[in-house]
Amino acid sequence: MEEITTYTKEITTITSRFIDWVYVFGPKLIGALLVFIIGLYVVNFITNLISRALNKRGIDVSLQTFLGSLVSGGLKVLLLISVAGMLGIETTSFIAVVGALGLAVGLALQGSLANFAGGVLLLVFKPFKVGDLIESNGQTGVVTEVQIFNTILLTPENKTVILANGAVSNSTIVNYSRHGNLRVDISMAVAPDSDVAKAKSVALDVLKNHEFVLEEPAPSVNVLKVGDGMVTLAIRPYASPAHYWDVFFSVQEHIRTAFDQNEIAGPIPTRVIINK
């Protein structure tokens, strides 16, 4: 009988303590649970809002996904810390640990973070796009990829060049494709006693009949220099970036052939020797 009485008292004590715990801790638990559920909804809403804004601005899909995940993860961490604080869990030490960890990771990834920031700037402001012919950091080539950390170029020699976005965003960028055409600078010389007007007319006819030379802007032929036993002509056709080298090489060949057909002589190197 005494054992039953003792057992009953223990159950009563445990029940009383549980009721007291529920009375004290229950509202906090319910409040924290509501905050957590509502917080998840708000985080998803903000993430979707940012994704729609980035998509509306035409930001690269890979950057949209990355930024969405970054924002979502950061907001969820803040939500968990807030919920833990509502439950009475000491969060000061946790925040300090997270801050120290973030600082350590930031220092370790300083170069990568700079490249990431550079990639974001390139994708947002778009100084160039895939397919553009650019020059940056001493490298010239066609942009084949714009990644988060790197920009990939294909050079005229078919070499793949990987440039760090941090360096690209902080250096001078020459975009040869922005206006849709490039001026091809060619210099050709004729003999000093040649009919310069005829030579210019012949060269201009070649340019106007070339399949890859653009009509607009119009090509031009002018005298660049007179001296050194020759008359140098500045031949300036315009071409699309894709046909730049075709125009550069073939125009010279065609003009040389046209000069020969019209009996326009090329320069003859001369040397004056003075006997003393």
C-alpha atoms as a PDB file:
ATOM      1  CA  MET A   1       0.000   0.000   0.000  1.00  0.00           C
ATOM      2  CA  GLU A   2       2.837   2.378   0.817  1.00  0.00           C
ATOM      3  CA  GLU A   3       4.506   1.577  -2.546  1.00  0.00           C
ATOM      4  CA  ILE A   4       1.313   2.483  -4.404  1.00  0.00           C
ATOM      5  CA  THR A   5       1.064   5.729  -2.465  1.00  0.00           C
ATOM      6  CA  THR A   6       4.703   6.603  -3.235  1.00  0.00           C
ATOM      7  CA  TYR A   7       4.245   5.786  -6.924  1.00  0.00           C
ATOM      8  CA  THR A   8       1.122   7.918  -7.041  1.00  0.00           C
ATOM      9  CA  LYS A   9       2.955  10.866  -5.474  1.00  0.00           C
ATOM     10  CA  GLU A  10       5.775  10.573  -8.037  1.00  0.00           C
ATOM     11  CA  ILE A  11       3.313  10.554 -10.918  1.00  0.00           C
ATOM     12  CA  THR A  12       1.532  13.533  -9.419  1.00  0.00           C
ATOM     13  CA  THR A  13       4.837  15.403  -9.038  1.00  0.00           C
ATOM     14  CA  ILE A  14       5.937  14.637 -12.613  1.00  0.00           C
ATOM     15  CA  THR A  15       2.533  15.621 -13.961  1.00  0.00           C
ATOM     16  CA  SER A  16       2.597  18.844 -11.967  1.00  0.00           C
ATOM     17  CA  ARG A  17       6.066  19.704 -13.242  1.00  0.00           C
ATOM     18  CA  PHE A  18       5.053  18.898 -16.821  1.00  0.00           C
ATOM     19  CA  ILE A  19       1.994  21.135 -16.501  1.00  0.00           C
ATOM     20  CA  ASP A  20       4.150  23.915 -15.074  1.00  0.00           C
ATOM     21  CA  TRP A  21       6.648  23.433 -17.926  1.00  0.00           C
ATOM     22  CA  VAL A  22       3.865  23.524 -20.519  1.00  0.00           C
ATOM     23  CA  TYR A  23       2.387  26.585 -18.844  1.00  0.00           C
ATOM     24  CA  VAL A  24       5.742  28.414 -18.900  1.00  0.00           C
ATOM     25  CA  PHE A  25       7.340  27.059 -22.062  1.00  0.00           C
ATOM     26  CA  GLY A  26       4.238  26.252 -24.152  1.00  0.00           C
ATOM     27  CA  PRO A  27       3.486  29.823 -25.288  1.00  0.00           C
ATOM     28  CA  LYS A  28       7.150  30.306 -26.263  1.00  0.00           C
ATOM     29  CA  LEU A  29       7.143  27.061 -28.248  1.00  0.00           C
ATOM     30  CA  ILE A  30       3.893  27.922 -30.023  1.00  0.00           C
ATOM     31  CA  GLY A  31       5.125  31.461 -30.726  1.00  0.00           C
ATOM     32  CA  ALA A  32       8.478  30.195 -32.023  1.00  0.00           C
ATOM     33  CA  LEU A  33       6.725  27.628 -34.222  1.00  0.00           C
ATOM     34  CA  LEU A  34       4.434  30.303 -35.682  1.00  0.00           C
ATOM     35  CA  VAL A  35       7.387  32.623 -36.281  1.00  0.00           C
ATOM     36  CA  PHE A  36       9.276  29.773 -37.976  1.00  0.00           C
ATOM     37  CA  ILE A  37       6.373  28.897 -40.303  1.00  0.00           C
ATOM     38  CA  ILE A  38       5.622  32.534 -41.160  1.00  0.00           C
ATOM     39  CA  GLY A  39       9.349  33.208 -41.516  1.00  0.00           C
ATOM     40  CA  LEU A  40       9.755  30.398 -44.057  1.00  0.00           C
ATOM     41  CA  TYR A  41       6.885  31.849 -46.053  1.00  0.00           C
ATOM     42  CA  VAL A  42       8.483  35.326 -45.968  1.00  0.00           C
ATOM     43  CA  VAL A  43      11.886  33.926 -46.968  1.00  0.00           C
ATOM     44  CA  ASN A  44      10.375  32.108 -49.949  1.00  0.00           C
ATOM     45  CA  PHE A  45       8.419  35.221 -50.914  1.00  0.00           C
ATOM     46  CA  ILE A  46      11.542  37.426 -50.804  1.00  0.00           C
ATOM     47  CA  THR A  47      13.591  34.839 -52.720  1.00  0.00           C
ATOM     48  CA  ASN A  48      10.948  34.572 -55.455  1.00  0.00           C
ATOM     49  CA  LEU A  49      10.652  38.356 -55.601  1.00  0.00           C
ATOM     50  CA  ILE A  50      14.409  38.724 -56.121  1.00  0.00           C
ATOM     51  CA  SER A  51      14.409  35.950 -58.746  1.00  0.00           C
ATOM     52  CA  ARG A  52      11.621  37.656 -60.690  1.00  0.00           C
ATOM     53  CA  ALA A  53      13.424  41.002 -60.508  1.00  0.00           C
ATOM     54  CA  LEU A  54      16.683  39.461 -61.780  1.00  0.00           C
ATOM     55  CA  ASN A  55      14.852  37.621 -64.545  1.00  0.00           C
ATOM     56  CA  LYS A  56      13.090  40.826 -65.578  1.00  0.00           C
ATOM     57  CA  ARG A  57      16.461  42.580 -65.895  1.00  0.00           C
ATOM     58  CA  GLY A  58      17.747  39.771 -68.082  1.00  0.00           C
ATOM     59  CA  ILE A  59      20.391  38.597 -65.609  1.00  0.00           C
ATOM     60  CA  ASP A  60      22.151  35.349 -66.484  1.00  0.00           C
ATOM     61  CA  VAL A  61      20.266  32.249 -65.274  1.00  0.00           C
ATOM     62  CA  SER A  62      23.292  30.851 -63.441  1.00  0.00           C
ATOM     63  CA  LEU A  63      23.648  34.101 -61.507  1.00  0.00           C
ATOM     64  CA  GLN A  64      19.918  34.132 -60.719  1.00  0.00           C
ATOM     65  CA  THR A  65      20.139  30.645 -59.209  1.00  0.00           C
ATOM     66  CA  PHE A  66      23.272  31.435 -57.232  1.00  0.00           C
ATOM     67  CA  LEU A  67      21.980  34.706 -55.799  1.00  0.00           C
ATOM     68  CA  GLY A  68      18.615  33.122 -54.987  1.00  0.00           C
ATOM     69  CA  SER A  69      20.301  30.310 -53.042  1.00  0.00           C
ATOM     70  CA  LEU A  70      22.608  32.790 -51.286  1.00  0.00           C
ATOM     71  CA  VAL A  71      19.743  35.036 -50.168  1.00  0.00           C
ATOM     72  CA  SER A  72      17.566  32.095 -49.150  1.00  0.00           C
ATOM     73  CA  GLY A  73      20.329  30.470 -47.094  1.00  0.00           C
ATOM     74  CA  GLY A  74      21.254  33.710 -45.324  1.00  0.00           C
ATOM     75  CA  LEU A  75      17.666  34.545 -44.418  1.00  0.00           C
ATOM     76  CA  LYS A  76      17.025  31.029 -43.117  1.00  0.00           C
ATOM     77  CA  VAL A  77      20.099  31.227 -40.870  1.00  0.00           C
ATOM     78  CA  LEU A  78      18.805  34.523 -39.438  1.00  0.00           C
ATOM     79  CA  LEU A  79      15.370  32.942 -38.966  1.00  0.00           C
ATOM     80  CA  LEU A  80      16.799  29.981 -37.045  1.00  0.00           C
ATOM     81  CA  ILE A  81      18.805  32.303 -34.788  1.00  0.00           C
ATOM     82  CA  SER A  82      15.671  34.360 -34.072  1.00  0.00           C
ATOM     83  CA  VAL A  83      13.605  31.253 -33.281  1.00  0.00           C
ATOM     84  CA  ALA A  84      16.331  29.920 -30.987  1.00  0.00           C
ATOM     85  CA  GLY A  85      16.351  33.240 -29.124  1.00  0.00           C
ATOM     86  CA  MET A  86      12.571  33.071 -28.650  1.00  0.00           C
ATOM     87  CA  LEU A  87      12.942  29.608 -27.091  1.00  0.00           C
ATOM     88  CA  GLY A  88      15.386  30.985 -24.560  1.00  0.00           C
ATOM     89  CA  ILE A  89      18.475  29.444 -26.132  1.00  0.00           C
ATOM     90  CA  GLU A  90      21.567  31.604 -25.725  1.00  0.00           C
ATOM     91  CA  THR A  91      22.469  32.753 -29.243  1.00  0.00           C
ATOM     92  CA  THR A  92      25.337  35.146 -28.488  1.00  0.00           C
ATOM     93  CA  SER A  93      27.998  32.457 -28.639  1.00  0.00           C
ATOM     94  CA  PHE A  94      26.393  30.933 -31.728  1.00  0.00           C
ATOM     95  CA  ILE A  95      26.391  34.289 -33.519  1.00  0.00           C
ATOM     96  CA  ALA A  96      30.038  34.834 -32.551  1.00  0.00           C
ATOM     97  CA  VAL A  97      30.994  31.420 -33.909  1.00  0.00           C
ATOM     98  CA  VAL A  98      29.110  32.042 -37.160  1.00  0.00           C
ATOM     99  CA  GLY A  99      30.749  35.460 -37.500  1.00  0.00           C
ATOM    100  CA  ALA A 100      34.225  34.062 -36.871  1.00  0.00           C
ATOM    101  CA  LEU A 101      33.585  31.239 -39.319  1.00  0.00           C
ATOM    102  CA  GLY A 102      32.379  33.701 -41.932  1.00  0.00           C
ATOM    103  CA  LEU A 103      35.466  35.874 -41.415  1.00  0.00           C
ATOM    104  CA  ALA A 104      37.783  32.889 -41.745  1.00  0.00           C
ATOM    105  CA  VAL A 105      36.063  31.699 -44.899  1.00  0.00           C
ATOM    106  CA  GLY A 106      36.114  35.225 -46.312  1.00  0.00           C
ATOM    107  CA  LEU A 107      39.860  35.558 -45.742  1.00  0.00           C
ATOM    108  CA  ALA A 108      40.523  32.115 -47.201  1.00  0.00           C
ATOM    109  CA  LEU A 109      38.413  32.852 -50.270  1.00  0.00           C
ATOM    110  CA  GLN A 110      39.414  36.475 -50.713  1.00  0.00           C
ATOM    111  CA  GLY A 111      40.544  35.991 -54.296  1.00  0.00           C
ATOM    112  CA  SER A 112      37.537  33.841 -55.178  1.00  0.00           C
ATOM    113  CA  LEU A 113      35.142  36.365 -53.637  1.00  0.00           C
ATOM    114  CA  ALA A 114      36.776  39.128 -55.690  1.00  0.00           C
ATOM    115  CA  ASN A 115      36.267  37.020 -58.816  1.00  0.00           C
ATOM    116  CA  PHE A 116      32.665  36.332 -57.805  1.00  0.00           C
ATOM    117  CA  ALA A 117      32.005  40.047 -57.281  1.00  0.00           C
ATOM    118  CA  GLY A 118      33.626  40.749 -60.644  1.00  0.00           C
ATOM    119  CA  GLY A 119      31.426  38.104 -62.276  1.00  0.00           C
ATOM    120  CA  VAL A 120      28.308  39.689 -60.787  1.00  0.00           C
ATOM    121  CA  LEU A 121      29.338  43.103 -62.136  1.00  0.00           C
ATOM    122  CA  LEU A 122      30.035  41.685 -65.599  1.00  0.00           C
ATOM    123  CA  LEU A 123      26.710  39.850 -65.733  1.00  0.00           C
ATOM    124  CA  VAL A 124      24.727  42.834 -64.429  1.00  0.00           C
ATOM    125  CA  PHE A 125      26.324  45.678 -66.427  1.00  0.00           C
ATOM    126  CA  LYS A 126      27.230  43.540 -69.484  1.00  0.00           C
ATOM    127  CA  PRO A 127      30.253  45.358 -70.964  1.00  0.00           C
ATOM    128  CA  PHE A 128      30.358  42.375 -73.321  1.00  0.00           C
ATOM    129  CA  LYS A 129      28.357  39.243 -74.082  1.00  0.00           C
ATOM    130  CA  VAL A 130      29.015  35.780 -75.424  1.00  0.00           C
ATOM    131  CA  GLY A 131      30.167  36.044 -79.048  1.00  0.00           C
ATOM    132  CA  ASP A 132      31.807  39.488 -78.665  1.00  0.00           C
ATOM    133  CA  LEU A 133      35.418  40.024 -79.679  1.00  0.00           C
ATOM    134  CA  ILE A 134      37.157  41.735 -76.766  1.00  0.00           C
ATOM    135  CA  GLU A 135      40.604  42.645 -75.495  1.00  0.00           C
ATOM    136  CA  SER A 136      41.381  42.523 -71.771  1.00  0.00           C
ATOM    137  CA  ASN A 137      44.472  41.938 -69.657  1.00  0.00           C
ATOM    138  CA  GLY A 138      46.625  41.665 -72.769  1.00  0.00           C
ATOM    139  CA  GLN A 139      44.447  38.918 -74.298  1.00  0.00           C
ATOM    140  CA  THR A 140      42.253  39.210 -77.382  1.00  0.00           C
ATOM    141  CA  GLY A 141      39.582  36.697 -78.333  1.00  0.00           C
ATOM    142  CA  VAL A 142      35.917  35.872 -78.766  1.00  0.00           C
ATOM    143  CA  VAL A 143      33.951  35.421 -75.532  1.00  0.00           C
ATOM    144  CA  THR A 144      32.678  31.838 -75.367  1.00  0.00           C
ATOM    145  CA  GLU A 145      31.487  31.805 -71.723  1.00  0.00           C
ATOM    146  CA  VAL A 146      30.861  34.280 -68.911  1.00  0.00           C
ATOM    147  CA  GLN A 147      30.954  32.235 -65.717  1.00  0.00           C
ATOM    148  CA  ILE A 148      30.564  33.316 -62.109  1.00  0.00           C
ATOM    149  CA  PHE A 149      34.317  33.293 -61.459  1.00  0.00           C
ATOM    150  CA  ASN A 150      35.910  33.287 -64.924  1.00  0.00           C
ATOM    151  CA  THR A 151      35.499  34.579 -68.461  1.00  0.00           C
ATOM    152  CA  ILE A 152      36.519  32.207 -71.262  1.00  0.00           C
ATOM    153  CA  LEU A 153      38.015  33.559 -74.505  1.00  0.00           C
ATOM    154  CA  LEU A 154      38.856  31.829 -77.771  1.00  0.00           C
ATOM    155  CA  THR A 155      41.796  33.552 -79.472  1.00  0.00           C
ATOM    156  CA  PRO A 156      42.316  33.794 -83.265  1.00  0.00           C
ATOM    157  CA  GLU A 157      44.915  31.010 -82.845  1.00  0.00           C
ATOM    158  CA  ASN A 158      42.170  28.755 -81.365  1.00  0.00           C
ATOM    159  CA  LYS A 159      43.703  28.992 -77.897  1.00  0.00           C
ATOM    160  CA  THR A 160      41.380  28.954 -74.892  1.00  0.00           C
ATOM    161  CA  VAL A 161      42.155  31.743 -72.425  1.00  0.00           C
ATOM    162  CA  ILE A 162      40.620  31.726 -68.932  1.00  0.00           C
ATOM    163  CA  LEU A 163      40.517  35.182 -67.335  1.00  0.00           C
ATOM    164  CA  ALA A 164      39.619  35.794 -63.686  1.00  0.00           C
ATOM    165  CA  ASN A 165      36.535  38.012 -63.484  1.00  0.00           C
ATOM    166  CA  GLY A 166      38.065  40.106 -60.709  1.00  0.00           C
ATOM    167  CA  ALA A 167      40.920  41.110 -63.006  1.00  0.00           C
ATOM    168  CA  VAL A 168      38.611  41.649 -65.993  1.00  0.00           C
ATOM    169  CA  SER A 169      36.165  43.880 -64.117  1.00  0.00           C
ATOM    170  CA  ASN A 170      39.008  46.036 -62.761  1.00  0.00           C
ATOM    171  CA  SER A 171      40.917  46.422 -66.030  1.00  0.00           C
ATOM    172  CA  THR A 172      40.332  48.127 -69.356  1.00  0.00           C
ATOM    173  CA  ILE A 173      37.981  46.218 -71.646  1.00  0.00           C
ATOM    174  CA  VAL A 174      38.055  46.866 -75.397  1.00  0.00           C
ATOM    175  CA  ASN A 175      34.886  45.549 -77.037  1.00  0.00           C
ATOM    176  CA  TYR A 176      35.416  45.273 -80.792  1.00  0.00           C
ATOM    177  CA  SER A 177      31.905  43.973 -81.414  1.00  0.00           C
ATOM    178  CA  ARG A 178      29.764  46.546 -79.613  1.00  0.00           C
ATOM    179  CA  HIS A 179      28.947  48.549 -82.789  1.00  0.00           C
ATOM    180  CA  GLY A 180      28.615  45.495 -85.011  1.00  0.00           C
ATOM    181  CA  ASN A 181      31.541  46.392 -87.269  1.00  0.00           C
ATOM    182  CA  LEU A 182      35.293  46.855 -87.193  1.00  0.00           C
ATOM    183  CA  ARG A 183      37.560  49.076 -89.246  1.00  0.00           C
ATOM    184  CA  VAL A 184      40.297  47.078 -90.945  1.00  0.00           C
ATOM    185  CA  ASP A 185      43.508  49.112 -91.168  1.00  0.00           C
ATOM    186  CA  ILE A 186      45.566  48.189 -94.233  1.00  0.00           C
ATOM    187  CA  SER A 187      48.563  50.028 -95.650  1.00  0.00           C
ATOM    188  CA  MET A 188      49.813  49.423 -99.214  1.00  0.00           C
ATOM    189  CA  ALA A 189      52.460  51.319-101.141  1.00  0.00           C
ATOM    190  CA  VAL A 190      52.907  52.189-104.822  1.00  0.00           C
ATOM    191  CA  ALA A 191      55.809  53.618-106.771  1.00  0.00           C
ATOM    192  CA  PRO A 192      56.329  57.368-106.327  1.00  0.00           C
ATOM    193  CA  ASP A 193      55.727  58.047-110.043  1.00  0.00           C
ATOM    194  CA  SER A 194      52.427  56.146-110.088  1.00  0.00           C
ATOM    195  CA  ASP A 195      49.091  57.793-110.818  1.00  0.00           C
ATOM    196  CA  VAL A 196      47.941  58.130-107.212  1.00  0.00           C
ATOM    197  CA  ALA A 197      44.372  59.081-108.153  1.00  0.00           C
ATOM    198  CA  LYS A 198      44.100  55.974-110.338  1.00  0.00           C
ATOM    199  CA  ALA A 199      45.584  53.787-107.586  1.00  0.00           C
ATOM    200  CA  LYS A 200      43.046  55.111-105.095  1.00  0.00           C
ATOM    201  CA  SER A 201      40.183  54.524-107.534  1.00  0.00           C
ATOM    202  CA  VAL A 202      41.279  50.950-108.272  1.00  0.00           C
ATOM    203  CA  ALA A 203      41.636  50.134-104.571  1.00  0.00           C
ATOM    204  CA  LEU A 204      38.239  51.664-103.803  1.00  0.00           C
ATOM    205  CA  ASP A 205      36.590  49.605-106.557  1.00  0.00           C
ATOM    206  CA  VAL A 206      38.033  46.440-105.001  1.00  0.00           C
ATOM    207  CA  LEU A 207      36.612  47.403-101.624  1.00  0.00           C
ATOM    208  CA  LYS A 208      33.159  48.168-102.996  1.00  0.00           C
ATOM    209  CA  ASN A 209      32.975  44.803-104.779  1.00  0.00           C
ATOM    210  CA  HIS A 210      34.321  42.674-101.915  1.00  0.00           C
ATOM    211  CA  GLU A 211      31.679  40.357-100.445  1.00  0.00           C
ATOM    212  CA  PHE A 212      32.679  40.923 -96.811  1.00  0.00           C
ATOM    213  CA  VAL A 213      33.360  44.686 -96.908  1.00  0.00           C
ATOM    214  CA  LEU A 214      30.420  46.618 -95.450  1.00  0.00           C
ATOM    215  CA  GLU A 215      28.725  49.398 -97.406  1.00  0.00           C
ATOM    216  CA  GLU A 216      28.110  51.327 -94.185  1.00  0.00           C
ATOM    217  CA  PRO A 217      30.328  52.778 -92.854  1.00  0.00           C
ATOM    218  CA  ALA A 218      31.704  53.405 -96.328  1.00  0.00           C
ATOM    219  CA  PRO A 219      35.294  52.267 -97.050  1.00  0.00           C
ATOM    220  CA  SER A 220      37.947  54.855 -97.822  1.00  0.00           C
ATOM    221  CA  VAL A 221      41.366  55.087 -99.476  1.00  0.00           C
ATOM    222  CA  ASN A 222      43.689  58.006 -98.698  1.00  0.00           C
ATOM    223  CA  VAL A 223      47.349  58.908 -98.980  1.00  0.00           C
ATOM    224  CA  LEU A 224      48.981  58.090 -95.662  1.00  0.00           C
ATOM    225  CA  LYS A 225      52.594  58.977 -96.370  1.00  0.00           C
ATOM    226  CA  VAL A 226      54.854  60.180 -99.169  1.00  0.00           C
ATOM    227  CA  GLY A 227      58.527  59.356 -98.789  1.00  0.00           C
ATOM    228  CA  ASP A 228      61.144  56.620 -98.631  1.00  0.00           C
ATOM    229  CA  GLY A 229      60.747  56.024-102.366  1.00  0.00           C
ATOM    230  CA  MET A 230      57.017  55.214-102.226  1.00  0.00           C
ATOM    231  CA  VAL A 231      53.499  56.538-101.739  1.00  0.00           C
ATOM    232  CA  THR A 232      51.741  54.722 -98.906  1.00  0.00           C
ATOM    233  CA  LEU A 233      47.955  54.388 -99.114  1.00  0.00           C
ATOM    234  CA  ALA A 234      45.736  54.065 -96.045  1.00  0.00           C
ATOM    235  CA  ILE A 235      43.054  51.548 -97.019  1.00  0.00           C
ATOM    236  CA  ARG A 236      40.176  51.501 -94.524  1.00  0.00           C
ATOM    237  CA  PRO A 237      37.324  49.031 -95.151  1.00  0.00           C
ATOM    238  CA  TYR A 238      34.800  48.017 -92.478  1.00  0.00           C
ATOM    239  CA  ALA A 239      33.835  44.427 -91.730  1.00  0.00           C
ATOM    240  CA  SER A 240      31.812  42.434 -89.248  1.00  0.00           C
ATOM    241  CA  PRO A 241      33.901  40.954 -86.403  1.00  0.00           C
ATOM    242  CA  ALA A 242      33.402  37.453 -87.836  1.00  0.00           C
ATOM    243  CA  HIS A 243      34.945  38.467 -91.188  1.00  0.00           C
ATOM    244  CA  TYR A 244      37.713  40.749 -89.927  1.00  0.00           C
ATOM    245  CA  TRP A 245      40.609  38.480 -90.890  1.00  0.00           C
ATOM    246  CA  ASP A 246      38.977  37.492 -94.181  1.00  0.00           C
ATOM    247  CA  VAL A 247      38.883  41.146 -95.178  1.00  0.00           C
ATOM    248  CA  PHE A 248      42.364  41.890 -93.840  1.00  0.00           C
ATOM    249  CA  PHE A 249      44.093  39.223 -95.912  1.00  0.00           C
ATOM    250  CA  SER A 250      41.927  38.955 -99.034  1.00  0.00           C
ATOM    251  CA  VAL A 251      41.624  42.703 -99.634  1.00  0.00           C
ATOM    252  CA  GLN A 252      45.404  43.037 -99.868  1.00  0.00           C
ATOM    253  CA  GLU A 253      45.584  40.163-102.344  1.00  0.00           C
ATOM    254  CA  HIS A 254      42.761  41.530-104.489  1.00  0.00           C
ATOM    255  CA  ILE A 255      44.179  45.065-104.539  1.00  0.00           C
ATOM    256  CA  ARG A 256      47.631  43.771-105.453  1.00  0.00           C
ATOM    257  CA  THR A 257      46.109  41.825-108.356  1.00  0.00           C
ATOM    258  CA  ALA A 258      44.090  44.886-109.462  1.00  0.00           C
ATOM    259  CA  PHE A 259      47.228  47.057-109.353  1.00  0.00           C
ATOM    260  CA  ASP A 260      49.061  44.605-111.618  1.00  0.00           C
ATOM    261  CA  GLN A 261      46.135  44.520-114.075  1.00  0.00           C
ATOM    262  CA  ASN A 262      46.096  48.331-114.216  1.00  0.00           C
ATOM    263  CA  GLU A 263      49.887  48.628-114.482  1.00  0.00           C
ATOM    264  CA  ILE A 264      50.273  50.362-111.136  1.00  0.00           C
ATOM    265  CA  ALA A 265      53.789  49.561-110.011  1.00  0.00           C
ATOM    266  CA  GLY A 266      54.735  48.751-106.496  1.00  0.00           C
ATOM    267  CA  PRO A 267      57.523  50.562-104.638  1.00  0.00           C
ATOM    268  CA  ILE A 268      61.120  49.825-105.508  1.00  0.00           C
ATOM    269  CA  PRO A 269      63.492  50.152-102.565  1.00  0.00           C
ATOM    270  CA  THR A 270      66.302  52.593-103.347  1.00  0.00           C
ATOM    271  CA  ARG A 271      69.545  53.347-101.596  1.00  0.00           C
ATOM    272  CA  VAL A 272      71.743  56.369-102.120  1.00  0.00           C
ATOM    273  CA  ILE A 273      75.454  55.690-101.860  1.00  0.00           C
ATOM    274  CA  ILE A 274      77.739  58.681-101.632  1.00  0.00           C
ATOM    275  CA  ASN A 275      81.402  58.151-102.532  1.00  0.00           C
ATOM    276  CA  LYS A 276      83.783  60.457-100.815  1.00  0.00           C
END
